[in-house]
Amino acid sequence: MIVLTAALIGALLGGFNAKRRKGNGLDIAQYAAVYAIAFALLGLFATIILEKTL
């Protein structure tokens, strides 16, 4: 659940960031994808750490 939530938040932040920088549609999609992957990886590490400590 953490991974999916983090990926969604990352996609939204990436899309907003590209839109703020006045990117076209492909720029927005690329930023959203990259941020989603990065945030999903962070969420995965957070999930692993939480599972190991609990």
Protein backbone atom coordinates (compact mmCIF):
# COMPACT_ATOMS: atom_id res chain seq x y z
CA MET A 1 0.00 0.00 0.00
CA ILE A 2 2.83 2.36 0.83
CA VAL A 3 4.45 1.73 -2.55
CA LEU A 4 1.28 2.52 -4.51
CA THR A 5 0.56 5.63 -2.47
CA ALA A 6 4.13 6.86 -2.86
CA ALA A 7 4.02 6.22 -6.63
CA LEU A 8 0.78 8.17 -6.95
CA ILE A 9 2.12 11.09 -4.91
CA GLY A 10 5.32 11.04 -6.97
CA ALA A 11 3.39 11.09 -10.24
CA LEU A 12 1.32 14.04 -9.06
CA LEU A 13 4.36 15.97 -7.85
CA GLY A 14 6.24 15.25 -11.07
CA GLY A 15 3.31 16.35 -13.22
CA PHE A 16 2.86 19.56 -11.25
CA ASN A 17 6.59 20.26 -11.36
CA ALA A 18 6.72 19.86 -15.16
CA LYS A 19 3.58 21.97 -15.58
CA ARG A 20 5.12 24.71 -13.42
CA ARG A 21 8.19 24.68 -15.67
CA LYS A 22 5.87 25.13 -18.67
CA GLY A 23 6.55 21.70 -20.19
CA ASN A 24 4.48 20.21 -22.98
CA GLY A 25 2.44 17.03 -22.60
CA LEU A 26 5.36 14.67 -23.14
CA ASP A 27 7.47 16.55 -20.60
CA ILE A 28 4.69 16.26 -18.04
CA ALA A 29 4.33 12.53 -18.72
CA GLN A 30 8.06 11.94 -18.42
CA TYR A 31 8.38 13.90 -15.17
CA ALA A 32 5.35 12.06 -13.76
CA ALA A 33 6.82 8.68 -14.68
CA VAL A 34 10.27 9.40 -13.29
CA TYR A 35 8.94 10.84 -10.04
CA ALA A 36 6.52 7.91 -9.69
CA ILE A 37 9.35 5.39 -10.08
CA ALA A 38 11.59 7.25 -7.63
CA PHE A 39 8.86 7.61 -5.01
CA ALA A 40 7.81 3.97 -5.47
CA LEU A 41 11.38 2.88 -4.75
CA LEU A 42 11.43 5.01 -1.62
CA GLY A 43 8.10 3.51 -0.61
CA LEU A 44 9.48 0.02 -1.20
CA PHE A 45 12.45 0.70 1.07
CA ALA A 46 10.12 2.17 3.70
CA THR A 47 7.93 -0.94 3.52
CA ILE A 48 10.93 -3.25 3.90
CA ILE A 49 12.23 -1.28 6.87
CA LEU A 50 8.82 -1.28 8.53
CA GLU A 51 8.40 -5.03 8.02
CA LYS A 52 11.84 -5.77 9.45
CA THR A 53 11.34 -3.61 12.54
CA LEU A 54 7.81 -4.78 13.39
